[in-house]
N, C-alpha and C. Protein backbone atom coordinates (compact mmCIF):
# COMPACT_ATOMS: atom_id res chain seq x y z
N MET A 1 88.23 -26.23 183.60
CA MET A 1 87.24 -26.13 182.54
C MET A 1 85.86 -26.43 183.12
N TYR A 2 84.88 -25.67 182.68
CA TYR A 2 83.53 -25.83 183.19
C TYR A 2 82.62 -26.45 182.13
N ASN A 3 81.77 -27.33 182.61
CA ASN A 3 80.64 -27.85 181.85
C ASN A 3 81.07 -28.61 180.59
N ASN A 4 80.19 -28.78 179.63
CA ASN A 4 80.39 -29.66 178.48
C ASN A 4 81.02 -28.86 177.33
N GLN A 5 82.39 -28.88 177.26
CA GLN A 5 83.09 -28.14 176.21
C GLN A 5 84.49 -28.71 176.00
N THR A 6 85.07 -28.40 174.88
CA THR A 6 86.45 -28.78 174.57
C THR A 6 87.25 -27.52 174.28
N VAL A 7 88.40 -27.37 174.93
CA VAL A 7 89.25 -26.19 174.78
C VAL A 7 90.67 -26.64 174.50
N TYR A 8 91.31 -26.04 173.50
CA TYR A 8 92.72 -26.29 173.23
C TYR A 8 93.56 -25.21 173.92
N PHE A 9 94.44 -25.62 174.84
CA PHE A 9 95.37 -24.70 175.48
C PHE A 9 96.73 -24.82 174.79
N ASP A 10 97.44 -23.69 174.66
CA ASP A 10 98.72 -23.70 173.95
C ASP A 10 99.55 -22.49 174.39
N ASP A 11 100.87 -22.57 174.13
CA ASP A 11 101.79 -21.43 174.30
C ASP A 11 101.72 -20.83 175.70
N LEU A 12 101.97 -21.66 176.71
CA LEU A 12 101.99 -21.20 178.09
C LEU A 12 103.36 -20.64 178.44
N TYR A 13 103.39 -19.46 179.06
CA TYR A 13 104.62 -18.87 179.59
C TYR A 13 104.38 -18.46 181.03
N ILE A 14 105.34 -18.74 181.88
CA ILE A 14 105.32 -18.26 183.25
C ILE A 14 106.56 -17.41 183.45
N LYS A 15 106.37 -16.15 183.76
CA LYS A 15 107.49 -15.22 183.89
C LYS A 15 107.39 -14.44 185.19
N SER A 16 108.56 -14.05 185.71
CA SER A 16 108.60 -13.11 186.82
C SER A 16 108.43 -11.70 186.25
N LEU A 17 107.56 -10.91 186.85
CA LEU A 17 107.37 -9.53 186.42
C LEU A 17 108.23 -8.56 187.20
N GLY A 18 108.97 -9.07 188.19
CA GLY A 18 109.81 -8.19 189.01
C GLY A 18 108.96 -7.42 189.99
N SER A 19 109.64 -6.69 190.85
CA SER A 19 108.95 -5.90 191.86
C SER A 19 109.87 -4.82 192.37
N SER A 20 109.32 -3.69 192.72
CA SER A 20 110.14 -2.62 193.30
C SER A 20 110.17 -2.71 194.82
N SER A 21 109.49 -3.72 195.39
CA SER A 21 109.42 -3.81 196.85
C SER A 21 109.77 -5.21 197.34
N VAL A 22 110.68 -5.88 196.63
CA VAL A 22 111.12 -7.20 197.04
C VAL A 22 111.99 -7.05 198.28
N ALA A 23 111.98 -8.07 199.14
CA ALA A 23 112.79 -8.02 200.36
C ALA A 23 114.24 -7.75 200.03
N ASN A 24 114.92 -7.02 200.91
CA ASN A 24 116.32 -6.65 200.75
C ASN A 24 116.56 -5.73 199.55
N ASN A 25 115.50 -5.11 199.03
CA ASN A 25 115.62 -4.15 197.94
C ASN A 25 116.20 -4.76 196.67
N ASN A 26 116.02 -6.06 196.45
CA ASN A 26 116.48 -6.71 195.22
C ASN A 26 115.35 -6.73 194.21
N ASN A 27 115.55 -6.13 193.05
CA ASN A 27 114.52 -6.08 192.01
C ASN A 27 114.73 -7.22 191.04
N TYR A 28 114.27 -8.40 191.39
CA TYR A 28 114.46 -9.57 190.55
C TYR A 28 113.48 -9.53 189.39
N SER A 29 113.94 -9.92 188.22
CA SER A 29 113.08 -10.05 187.05
C SER A 29 113.62 -11.16 186.19
N SER A 30 112.88 -11.52 185.16
CA SER A 30 113.21 -12.72 184.40
C SER A 30 114.48 -12.59 183.60
N ASP A 31 115.01 -11.37 183.41
CA ASP A 31 116.22 -11.22 182.61
C ASP A 31 117.49 -11.28 183.45
N VAL A 32 117.40 -11.32 184.77
CA VAL A 32 118.58 -11.36 185.62
C VAL A 32 119.16 -12.77 185.63
N LEU A 33 120.43 -12.89 185.25
CA LEU A 33 121.12 -14.16 185.22
C LEU A 33 121.90 -14.43 186.49
N PHE A 34 122.50 -13.38 187.06
CA PHE A 34 123.36 -13.54 188.23
C PHE A 34 123.37 -12.23 189.00
N ARG A 35 123.21 -12.34 190.31
CA ARG A 35 123.22 -11.16 191.16
C ARG A 35 124.08 -11.45 192.38
N GLU A 36 124.91 -10.48 192.78
CA GLU A 36 125.78 -10.66 193.93
C GLU A 36 125.83 -9.38 194.74
N ASP A 37 125.42 -9.47 196.02
CA ASP A 37 125.53 -8.31 196.91
C ASP A 37 126.51 -8.58 198.05
N PHE A 38 127.19 -9.73 198.03
CA PHE A 38 128.25 -10.07 198.98
C PHE A 38 127.77 -10.13 200.43
N GLN A 39 126.49 -10.43 200.62
CA GLN A 39 125.99 -10.64 201.97
C GLN A 39 126.31 -12.04 202.49
N THR A 40 126.64 -12.97 201.59
CA THR A 40 127.06 -14.31 201.97
C THR A 40 128.31 -14.67 201.17
N ARG A 41 128.86 -15.83 201.46
CA ARG A 41 130.03 -16.33 200.73
C ARG A 41 129.66 -17.52 199.85
N ASP A 42 128.41 -17.60 199.43
CA ASP A 42 127.91 -18.79 198.76
C ASP A 42 128.44 -18.98 197.34
N ASN A 43 128.92 -17.92 196.69
CA ASN A 43 129.26 -18.03 195.26
C ASN A 43 130.73 -18.28 194.98
N ASN A 44 131.49 -18.61 196.01
CA ASN A 44 132.88 -19.06 195.83
C ASN A 44 133.76 -18.04 195.10
N TRP A 45 133.68 -16.79 195.52
CA TRP A 45 134.59 -15.78 195.00
C TRP A 45 136.01 -16.07 195.48
N TYR A 46 136.97 -15.71 194.65
CA TYR A 46 138.37 -15.85 195.04
C TYR A 46 138.63 -15.04 196.31
N SER A 47 139.36 -15.66 197.24
CA SER A 47 139.70 -14.98 198.49
C SER A 47 141.13 -15.32 198.87
N ASN A 48 141.90 -14.30 199.21
CA ASN A 48 143.28 -14.50 199.64
C ASN A 48 143.53 -13.57 200.82
N TYR A 49 143.10 -13.99 201.98
CA TYR A 49 143.23 -13.16 203.17
C TYR A 49 144.54 -13.52 203.86
N ASP A 50 145.66 -13.25 203.16
CA ASP A 50 146.99 -13.61 203.64
C ASP A 50 147.88 -12.38 203.48
N PHE A 51 148.21 -11.75 204.57
CA PHE A 51 148.95 -10.49 204.50
C PHE A 51 150.41 -10.69 204.08
N LYS A 52 150.85 -11.95 203.93
CA LYS A 52 152.18 -12.20 203.37
C LYS A 52 152.19 -11.92 201.87
N ASP A 53 151.00 -11.99 201.26
CA ASP A 53 150.85 -11.68 199.85
C ASP A 53 150.45 -10.21 199.74
N SER A 54 151.13 -9.47 198.87
CA SER A 54 150.84 -8.04 198.77
C SER A 54 149.45 -7.77 198.23
N ASN A 55 148.88 -8.71 197.47
CA ASN A 55 147.53 -8.55 196.94
C ASN A 55 146.59 -9.42 197.77
N TYR A 56 145.75 -8.80 198.60
CA TYR A 56 144.79 -9.63 199.32
C TYR A 56 143.38 -9.17 199.00
N ILE A 57 142.54 -10.18 198.78
CA ILE A 57 141.23 -9.99 198.19
C ILE A 57 140.26 -10.88 198.95
N TYR A 58 139.14 -10.32 199.41
CA TYR A 58 138.20 -11.12 200.17
C TYR A 58 136.87 -10.39 200.28
N ILE A 59 135.85 -11.10 200.72
CA ILE A 59 134.57 -10.47 201.00
C ILE A 59 134.67 -9.81 202.36
N ASN A 60 134.51 -8.51 202.40
CA ASN A 60 134.73 -7.71 203.60
C ASN A 60 133.52 -7.82 204.52
N THR A 61 133.74 -8.38 205.71
CA THR A 61 132.68 -8.46 206.71
C THR A 61 133.05 -7.70 207.97
N LEU A 62 134.04 -6.80 207.85
CA LEU A 62 134.53 -6.10 209.02
C LEU A 62 133.76 -4.81 209.30
N ASP A 63 133.00 -4.34 208.30
CA ASP A 63 132.26 -3.11 208.49
C ASP A 63 130.80 -3.43 208.86
N ASN A 64 129.90 -2.55 208.54
CA ASN A 64 128.48 -2.75 208.78
C ASN A 64 128.01 -4.07 208.18
N PRO A 65 127.48 -5.00 208.97
CA PRO A 65 127.08 -6.31 208.42
C PRO A 65 126.06 -6.22 207.31
N GLY A 66 125.34 -5.13 207.21
CA GLY A 66 124.37 -4.97 206.14
C GLY A 66 124.96 -4.36 204.89
N ASN A 67 126.28 -4.12 204.88
CA ASN A 67 126.90 -3.44 203.75
C ASN A 67 128.23 -4.11 203.41
N HIS A 68 128.21 -5.41 203.21
CA HIS A 68 129.42 -6.13 202.84
C HIS A 68 129.81 -5.78 201.41
N CYS A 69 131.06 -6.04 201.07
CA CYS A 69 131.55 -5.76 199.72
C CYS A 69 132.71 -6.70 199.41
N TYR A 70 133.18 -6.63 198.19
CA TYR A 70 134.34 -7.41 197.77
C TYR A 70 135.55 -6.50 197.80
N LEU A 71 136.40 -6.66 198.79
CA LEU A 71 137.56 -5.80 198.97
C LEU A 71 138.70 -6.32 198.11
N PHE A 72 139.15 -5.51 197.18
CA PHE A 72 140.14 -5.91 196.17
C PHE A 72 141.34 -4.98 196.33
N ARG A 73 142.41 -5.47 196.95
CA ARG A 73 143.58 -4.64 197.22
C ARG A 73 144.76 -5.11 196.38
N ASN A 74 145.21 -4.26 195.49
CA ASN A 74 146.40 -4.52 194.67
C ASN A 74 147.53 -3.67 195.23
N ARG A 75 148.65 -4.30 195.56
CA ARG A 75 149.76 -3.56 196.13
C ARG A 75 150.99 -3.59 195.22
N ARG A 76 150.78 -3.81 193.93
CA ARG A 76 151.87 -3.70 192.98
C ARG A 76 152.10 -2.23 192.64
N ARG A 77 153.33 -1.85 192.49
CA ARG A 77 153.66 -0.46 192.16
C ARG A 77 154.25 -0.32 190.76
N SER A 78 154.20 -1.36 189.97
CA SER A 78 154.80 -1.32 188.63
C SER A 78 153.79 -0.95 187.55
N GLY A 79 152.55 -0.65 187.95
CA GLY A 79 151.51 -0.36 186.97
C GLY A 79 150.79 -1.58 186.48
N ASP A 80 151.14 -2.77 187.00
CA ASP A 80 150.50 -4.01 186.56
C ASP A 80 149.09 -4.12 187.11
N ASN A 81 148.26 -4.88 186.40
CA ASN A 81 146.91 -5.15 186.88
C ASN A 81 146.85 -6.51 187.54
N TYR A 82 145.86 -6.67 188.40
CA TYR A 82 145.57 -7.94 189.05
C TYR A 82 144.11 -8.24 188.75
N ILE A 83 143.82 -9.48 188.34
CA ILE A 83 142.50 -9.84 187.84
C ILE A 83 141.97 -11.02 188.62
N VAL A 84 140.67 -11.00 188.97
CA VAL A 84 139.99 -12.17 189.50
C VAL A 84 138.74 -12.43 188.66
N PRO A 85 138.39 -13.70 188.45
CA PRO A 85 137.20 -14.01 187.64
C PRO A 85 135.91 -13.78 188.41
N ILE A 86 134.88 -13.39 187.69
CA ILE A 86 133.52 -13.41 188.24
C ILE A 86 133.05 -14.85 188.23
N PRO A 87 132.63 -15.42 189.37
CA PRO A 87 132.30 -16.85 189.42
C PRO A 87 130.92 -17.17 188.87
N TYR A 88 130.70 -16.76 187.63
CA TYR A 88 129.47 -17.09 186.91
C TYR A 88 129.88 -17.38 185.48
N TYR A 89 129.62 -18.60 185.02
CA TYR A 89 130.18 -19.05 183.75
C TYR A 89 129.11 -19.41 182.72
N SER A 90 127.92 -18.84 182.87
CA SER A 90 126.84 -19.13 181.94
C SER A 90 126.36 -17.86 181.24
N ILE A 91 127.25 -16.89 181.07
CA ILE A 91 126.91 -15.69 180.31
C ILE A 91 126.55 -16.11 178.89
N PRO A 92 125.44 -15.63 178.34
CA PRO A 92 124.95 -16.16 177.07
C PRO A 92 125.74 -15.65 175.87
N ASN A 93 125.62 -16.38 174.76
CA ASN A 93 126.21 -15.92 173.51
C ASN A 93 125.44 -14.75 172.91
N ALA A 94 124.20 -14.57 173.34
CA ALA A 94 123.38 -13.46 172.86
C ALA A 94 123.75 -12.19 173.63
N TYR A 95 122.89 -11.18 173.57
CA TYR A 95 123.17 -9.90 174.20
C TYR A 95 123.07 -10.01 175.72
N TYR A 96 123.95 -9.29 176.43
CA TYR A 96 123.91 -9.28 177.88
C TYR A 96 124.56 -8.00 178.39
N SER A 97 124.36 -7.73 179.67
CA SER A 97 125.02 -6.59 180.32
C SER A 97 125.64 -7.04 181.64
N ILE A 98 126.72 -6.35 182.02
CA ILE A 98 127.34 -6.52 183.32
C ILE A 98 127.39 -5.15 183.97
N ALA A 99 126.84 -5.04 185.18
CA ALA A 99 126.86 -3.78 185.92
C ALA A 99 127.38 -4.06 187.33
N ILE A 100 128.19 -3.13 187.86
CA ILE A 100 128.73 -3.29 189.20
C ILE A 100 129.06 -1.92 189.78
N GLY A 101 128.92 -1.81 191.09
CA GLY A 101 129.34 -0.62 191.79
C GLY A 101 130.79 -0.74 192.21
N ALA A 102 131.53 0.36 192.14
CA ALA A 102 132.96 0.37 192.50
C ALA A 102 133.25 1.61 193.32
N GLN A 103 133.91 1.42 194.45
CA GLN A 103 134.29 2.53 195.33
C GLN A 103 135.80 2.54 195.50
N HIS A 104 136.42 3.66 195.18
CA HIS A 104 137.86 3.82 195.39
C HIS A 104 138.09 4.12 196.87
N PHE A 105 138.80 3.19 197.55
CA PHE A 105 139.00 3.33 199.00
C PHE A 105 140.31 4.03 199.33
N ASP A 106 141.43 3.58 198.70
CA ASP A 106 142.71 4.24 198.95
C ASP A 106 143.68 3.91 197.83
N GLY A 107 144.85 4.56 197.87
CA GLY A 107 145.90 4.29 196.90
C GLY A 107 145.97 5.32 195.79
N GLU A 108 146.59 4.92 194.68
CA GLU A 108 146.81 5.80 193.54
C GLU A 108 145.49 6.27 192.94
N ASP A 109 145.47 7.51 192.47
CA ASP A 109 144.27 8.06 191.86
C ASP A 109 144.25 7.95 190.34
N ASP A 110 145.42 7.80 189.72
CA ASP A 110 145.51 7.89 188.26
C ASP A 110 145.62 6.55 187.56
N TYR A 111 145.39 5.45 188.28
CA TYR A 111 145.42 4.13 187.67
C TYR A 111 144.01 3.56 187.60
N GLY A 112 143.82 2.62 186.67
CA GLY A 112 142.49 2.14 186.37
C GLY A 112 142.02 0.99 187.25
N TYR A 113 140.70 0.80 187.23
CA TYR A 113 140.05 -0.38 187.82
C TYR A 113 138.71 -0.54 187.13
N GLY A 114 138.19 -1.78 187.13
CA GLY A 114 136.90 -1.97 186.48
C GLY A 114 136.62 -3.40 186.09
N ILE A 115 135.98 -3.57 184.92
CA ILE A 115 135.39 -4.83 184.48
C ILE A 115 136.18 -5.42 183.31
N LYS A 116 136.48 -6.71 183.38
CA LYS A 116 136.93 -7.49 182.24
C LYS A 116 135.72 -8.21 181.65
N PHE A 117 135.63 -8.31 180.33
CA PHE A 117 134.47 -8.97 179.72
C PHE A 117 134.83 -9.45 178.32
N GLY A 118 133.90 -10.22 177.74
CA GLY A 118 134.10 -10.72 176.38
C GLY A 118 135.35 -11.56 176.22
N ALA A 119 135.74 -12.28 177.27
CA ALA A 119 137.05 -12.94 177.32
C ALA A 119 136.96 -14.43 177.04
N SER A 120 137.97 -14.93 176.34
CA SER A 120 138.22 -16.38 176.30
C SER A 120 139.26 -16.73 177.35
N ASP A 121 140.19 -15.81 177.59
CA ASP A 121 141.15 -15.83 178.69
C ASP A 121 141.61 -14.39 178.85
N TRP A 122 142.48 -14.12 179.85
CA TRP A 122 142.83 -12.72 180.11
C TRP A 122 143.73 -12.13 179.03
N ASN A 123 144.35 -12.95 178.20
CA ASN A 123 145.14 -12.44 177.07
C ASN A 123 144.29 -12.16 175.85
N ASN A 124 143.02 -12.51 175.91
CA ASN A 124 142.06 -12.24 174.84
C ASN A 124 140.77 -11.77 175.50
N SER A 125 140.68 -10.46 175.70
CA SER A 125 139.60 -9.91 176.51
C SER A 125 139.47 -8.41 176.27
N TYR A 126 138.40 -7.84 176.84
CA TYR A 126 138.16 -6.40 176.81
C TYR A 126 138.07 -5.88 178.24
N SER A 127 138.35 -4.59 178.43
CA SER A 127 138.29 -3.97 179.75
C SER A 127 137.62 -2.61 179.68
N LEU A 128 136.72 -2.35 180.63
CA LEU A 128 136.24 -1.00 180.91
C LEU A 128 136.86 -0.57 182.22
N ASN A 129 137.69 0.47 182.17
CA ASN A 129 138.39 0.96 183.37
C ASN A 129 138.03 2.41 183.62
N ILE A 130 138.06 2.79 184.89
CA ILE A 130 137.92 4.19 185.28
C ILE A 130 139.06 4.54 186.24
N THR A 131 139.27 5.83 186.48
CA THR A 131 140.21 6.28 187.51
C THR A 131 139.48 7.15 188.51
N ASN A 132 140.14 7.40 189.63
CA ASN A 132 139.56 8.24 190.67
C ASN A 132 139.66 9.72 190.32
N THR A 133 140.24 10.04 189.16
CA THR A 133 140.32 11.44 188.71
C THR A 133 139.33 11.74 187.59
N GLY A 134 138.38 10.81 187.33
CA GLY A 134 137.29 11.12 186.41
C GLY A 134 137.50 10.71 184.97
N TYR A 135 138.40 9.77 184.71
CA TYR A 135 138.65 9.29 183.34
C TYR A 135 138.15 7.86 183.17
N TYR A 136 137.80 7.52 181.92
CA TYR A 136 137.46 6.14 181.58
C TYR A 136 138.17 5.77 180.28
N ARG A 137 138.29 4.45 180.04
CA ARG A 137 138.80 3.95 178.77
C ARG A 137 138.22 2.58 178.52
N LEU A 138 138.22 2.18 177.25
CA LEU A 138 137.88 0.82 176.84
C LEU A 138 139.07 0.27 176.07
N SER A 139 139.57 -0.88 176.49
CA SER A 139 140.77 -1.44 175.89
C SER A 139 140.56 -2.91 175.52
N LYS A 140 141.50 -3.42 174.74
CA LYS A 140 141.43 -4.80 174.26
C LYS A 140 142.79 -5.46 174.41
N MET A 141 142.76 -6.73 174.82
CA MET A 141 143.94 -7.59 174.76
C MET A 141 143.66 -8.68 173.73
N GLU A 142 144.54 -8.80 172.73
CA GLU A 142 144.38 -9.84 171.72
C GLU A 142 145.70 -10.56 171.56
N ASN A 143 145.69 -11.85 171.90
CA ASN A 143 146.92 -12.65 171.90
C ASN A 143 148.01 -11.98 172.74
N GLY A 144 147.58 -11.38 173.86
CA GLY A 144 148.52 -10.75 174.79
C GLY A 144 148.99 -9.37 174.39
N ARG A 145 148.45 -8.82 173.29
CA ARG A 145 148.85 -7.48 172.84
C ARG A 145 147.75 -6.48 173.16
N TYR A 146 148.15 -5.37 173.77
CA TYR A 146 147.22 -4.37 174.28
C TYR A 146 146.94 -3.30 173.24
N SER A 147 145.67 -2.84 173.17
CA SER A 147 145.32 -1.68 172.34
C SER A 147 144.12 -0.98 172.95
N ASN A 148 144.00 0.33 172.70
CA ASN A 148 142.87 1.11 173.18
C ASN A 148 141.79 1.20 172.11
N LEU A 149 140.54 0.93 172.49
CA LEU A 149 139.40 1.23 171.63
C LEU A 149 138.88 2.63 171.92
N VAL A 150 138.91 3.03 173.18
CA VAL A 150 138.68 4.41 173.60
C VAL A 150 139.81 4.75 174.55
N SER A 151 140.64 5.73 174.20
CA SER A 151 141.74 6.14 175.08
C SER A 151 141.18 6.85 176.30
N TRP A 152 142.03 7.07 177.30
CA TRP A 152 141.57 7.74 178.51
C TRP A 152 140.86 9.05 178.17
N THR A 153 139.62 9.16 178.64
CA THR A 153 138.75 10.29 178.30
C THR A 153 138.08 10.79 179.57
N LYS A 154 138.09 12.10 179.76
CA LYS A 154 137.44 12.70 180.93
C LYS A 154 135.93 12.70 180.74
N THR A 155 135.18 12.39 181.81
CA THR A 155 133.73 12.46 181.74
C THR A 155 133.17 12.99 183.05
N SER A 156 132.18 13.86 182.95
CA SER A 156 131.54 14.42 184.14
C SER A 156 130.60 13.41 184.79
N ALA A 157 130.36 12.27 184.13
CA ALA A 157 129.49 11.24 184.70
C ALA A 157 130.12 10.55 185.90
N LEU A 158 131.45 10.61 186.01
CA LEU A 158 132.15 9.93 187.09
C LEU A 158 132.23 10.78 188.35
N ASN A 159 131.99 10.15 189.49
CA ASN A 159 132.24 10.77 190.78
C ASN A 159 133.72 10.62 191.12
N GLN A 160 134.30 11.66 191.68
CA GLN A 160 135.73 11.67 191.97
C GLN A 160 135.99 11.88 193.45
N GLY A 161 137.22 11.55 193.86
CA GLY A 161 137.65 11.87 195.20
C GLY A 161 137.57 10.70 196.14
N SER A 162 137.93 10.95 197.39
CA SER A 162 138.01 9.91 198.41
C SER A 162 136.67 9.22 198.61
N LEU A 163 136.71 7.89 198.61
CA LEU A 163 135.54 7.04 198.82
C LEU A 163 134.44 7.29 197.79
N SER A 164 134.82 7.66 196.58
CA SER A 164 133.83 7.91 195.54
C SER A 164 133.22 6.60 195.05
N ASN A 165 131.91 6.60 194.84
CA ASN A 165 131.18 5.45 194.32
C ASN A 165 130.80 5.69 192.87
N ASN A 166 130.95 4.66 192.04
CA ASN A 166 130.54 4.74 190.64
C ASN A 166 129.97 3.40 190.20
N LYS A 167 128.92 3.47 189.41
CA LYS A 167 128.32 2.28 188.81
C LYS A 167 128.80 2.16 187.37
N LEU A 168 129.43 1.04 187.05
CA LEU A 168 129.92 0.77 185.70
C LEU A 168 129.04 -0.27 185.04
N GLU A 169 128.76 -0.07 183.76
CA GLU A 169 127.95 -1.04 183.02
C GLU A 169 128.43 -1.15 181.59
N VAL A 170 128.60 -2.40 181.12
CA VAL A 170 128.85 -2.66 179.71
C VAL A 170 127.66 -3.46 179.18
N ARG A 171 127.13 -3.02 178.05
CA ARG A 171 126.06 -3.75 177.36
C ARG A 171 126.66 -4.33 176.09
N VAL A 172 126.72 -5.65 176.04
CA VAL A 172 127.48 -6.36 175.03
C VAL A 172 126.53 -6.91 173.96
N TYR A 173 126.78 -6.52 172.71
CA TYR A 173 126.01 -7.01 171.57
C TYR A 173 126.97 -7.80 170.67
N TYR A 174 126.52 -8.18 169.48
CA TYR A 174 127.37 -8.99 168.62
C TYR A 174 128.54 -8.22 168.05
N THR A 175 128.30 -7.00 167.61
CA THR A 175 129.34 -6.25 166.90
C THR A 175 129.67 -4.91 167.56
N TYR A 176 129.05 -4.61 168.70
CA TYR A 176 129.33 -3.34 169.37
C TYR A 176 129.07 -3.47 170.86
N VAL A 177 129.57 -2.48 171.61
CA VAL A 177 129.40 -2.41 173.06
C VAL A 177 128.93 -1.01 173.42
N ASP A 178 127.94 -0.90 174.29
CA ASP A 178 127.52 0.38 174.83
C ASP A 178 128.04 0.51 176.26
N ILE A 179 128.55 1.70 176.59
CA ILE A 179 129.13 1.98 177.90
C ILE A 179 128.22 2.93 178.66
N TYR A 180 127.90 2.56 179.91
CA TYR A 180 127.14 3.42 180.81
C TYR A 180 127.94 3.62 182.09
N ILE A 181 127.90 4.85 182.62
CA ILE A 181 128.52 5.16 183.91
C ILE A 181 127.49 5.90 184.74
N ASN A 182 127.20 5.36 185.92
CA ASN A 182 126.18 5.93 186.80
C ASN A 182 124.86 6.14 186.06
N ASP A 183 124.51 5.11 185.27
CA ASP A 183 123.26 5.05 184.50
C ASP A 183 123.18 6.10 183.40
N GLN A 184 124.28 6.75 183.08
CA GLN A 184 124.33 7.68 181.96
C GLN A 184 125.00 7.00 180.77
N TYR A 185 124.37 7.11 179.59
CA TYR A 185 124.99 6.58 178.38
C TYR A 185 126.23 7.41 178.04
N ILE A 186 127.35 6.71 177.81
CA ILE A 186 128.61 7.41 177.55
C ILE A 186 129.01 7.31 176.07
N THR A 187 129.09 6.09 175.53
CA THR A 187 129.52 5.95 174.15
C THR A 187 129.22 4.55 173.65
N ARG A 188 129.27 4.40 172.34
CA ARG A 188 129.17 3.10 171.68
C ARG A 188 130.50 2.81 170.98
N VAL A 189 130.99 1.58 171.11
CA VAL A 189 132.22 1.15 170.45
C VAL A 189 131.85 0.06 169.46
N ASN A 190 132.10 0.35 168.18
CA ASN A 190 131.70 -0.57 167.12
C ASN A 190 132.77 -1.60 166.76
N ASP A 191 134.01 -1.31 167.09
CA ASP A 191 135.11 -2.21 166.76
C ASP A 191 135.18 -3.32 167.80
N PHE A 192 134.21 -4.25 167.75
CA PHE A 192 134.10 -5.25 168.80
C PHE A 192 133.74 -6.61 168.21
N THR A 193 134.52 -7.61 168.57
CA THR A 193 134.20 -9.01 168.31
C THR A 193 134.58 -9.79 169.55
N ARG A 194 133.60 -10.33 170.23
CA ARG A 194 133.91 -10.97 171.51
C ARG A 194 134.77 -12.21 171.30
N PHE A 195 135.72 -12.40 172.21
CA PHE A 195 136.56 -13.59 172.19
C PHE A 195 135.86 -14.77 172.86
N GLY A 196 135.09 -14.48 173.89
CA GLY A 196 134.37 -15.48 174.66
C GLY A 196 133.43 -14.77 175.62
N ASN A 197 132.93 -15.48 176.62
CA ASN A 197 131.95 -14.89 177.52
C ASN A 197 132.37 -14.92 178.98
N TYR A 198 133.66 -15.09 179.24
CA TYR A 198 134.13 -14.99 180.62
C TYR A 198 134.27 -13.52 181.01
N ALA A 199 134.18 -13.26 182.32
CA ALA A 199 134.27 -11.89 182.82
C ALA A 199 135.04 -11.88 184.13
N GLY A 200 135.54 -10.70 184.50
CA GLY A 200 136.30 -10.58 185.73
C GLY A 200 136.34 -9.15 186.22
N LEU A 201 137.04 -8.94 187.33
CA LEU A 201 137.28 -7.64 187.91
C LEU A 201 138.78 -7.40 187.97
N GLU A 202 139.21 -6.16 187.77
CA GLU A 202 140.64 -5.89 187.79
C GLU A 202 140.93 -4.57 188.48
N VAL A 203 142.15 -4.49 189.03
CA VAL A 203 142.66 -3.29 189.67
C VAL A 203 144.11 -3.12 189.25
N TYR A 204 144.48 -1.90 188.83
CA TYR A 204 145.86 -1.59 188.45
C TYR A 204 146.59 -0.92 189.60
N ASN A 205 147.85 -1.29 189.75
CA ASN A 205 148.81 -0.62 190.62
C ASN A 205 148.35 -0.60 192.07
N TYR A 206 148.83 0.37 192.84
CA TYR A 206 148.70 0.39 194.30
C TYR A 206 147.40 1.09 194.69
N GLN A 207 146.31 0.33 194.83
CA GLN A 207 145.05 0.92 195.26
C GLN A 207 144.12 -0.19 195.77
N THR A 208 143.12 0.24 196.54
CA THR A 208 142.10 -0.66 197.07
C THR A 208 140.75 -0.21 196.55
N ILE A 209 140.00 -1.18 195.99
CA ILE A 209 138.67 -0.91 195.44
C ILE A 209 137.67 -1.81 196.14
N TYR A 210 136.52 -1.24 196.52
CA TYR A 210 135.40 -2.01 197.02
C TYR A 210 134.40 -2.21 195.86
N TYR A 211 134.16 -3.46 195.51
CA TYR A 211 133.15 -3.79 194.49
C TYR A 211 131.89 -4.29 195.19
N ASP A 212 130.73 -3.95 194.61
CA ASP A 212 129.47 -4.37 195.23
C ASP A 212 128.36 -4.32 194.17
N ASP A 213 127.25 -5.02 194.49
CA ASP A 213 126.00 -4.95 193.72
C ASP A 213 126.22 -5.30 192.24
N LEU A 214 126.76 -6.48 192.02
CA LEU A 214 126.97 -6.98 190.66
C LEU A 214 125.68 -7.58 190.11
N VAL A 215 125.34 -7.22 188.86
CA VAL A 215 124.18 -7.79 188.19
C VAL A 215 124.58 -8.11 186.75
N ILE A 216 124.35 -9.36 186.35
CA ILE A 216 124.50 -9.78 184.95
C ILE A 216 123.11 -10.13 184.44
N ARG A 217 122.72 -9.55 183.32
CA ARG A 217 121.38 -9.78 182.82
C ARG A 217 121.36 -9.93 181.30
N LYS A 218 120.33 -10.60 180.82
CA LYS A 218 120.07 -10.67 179.38
C LYS A 218 119.47 -9.35 178.91
N LEU A 219 119.82 -8.96 177.70
CA LEU A 219 119.26 -7.74 177.12
C LEU A 219 118.15 -8.09 176.13
């Protein structure tokens, strides 16, 4: 303050405005709650690098060191899913989104993989799954009973074939969910009441999926 005067200051906010040129190409902004690019092991993801177990899951550091990922290998052949939690437990009760990249590396083409969300536990949760043949679905588990909110549906938004990459996103509101695939709006599901705010990743049957570039943000 300059010279002989009185000023009332009020309502101060300090916010990140984000940037398109942040180091490592990370576009941080004030709405990002959790970001994971798997360049380090700091966030305590589940890891089971034991080949005696048919399902082994770990942060892959065997390829290009600048392109690590979460290697999720399910070797069950009964059609069962295998689930690991996302190690972030402060997802808000208000609106939020979960987005992640998924690459089908090998295995079955007609079984699902994707995001668990809106969960109190895995028996009370929702799933967005895709297949390597270009289908998606949204399903619900309630008290251990399975039902489809959107049955398997073909979409041209999905990339198909060997080593195909796809970005999955669920935008979660109080009474509905919006689905995006590769940044394209796919559908809205109105029959939604969240059980809780836990989230995870899942893979069905005999296949290996590389997950990468996870972002959880407030909407």
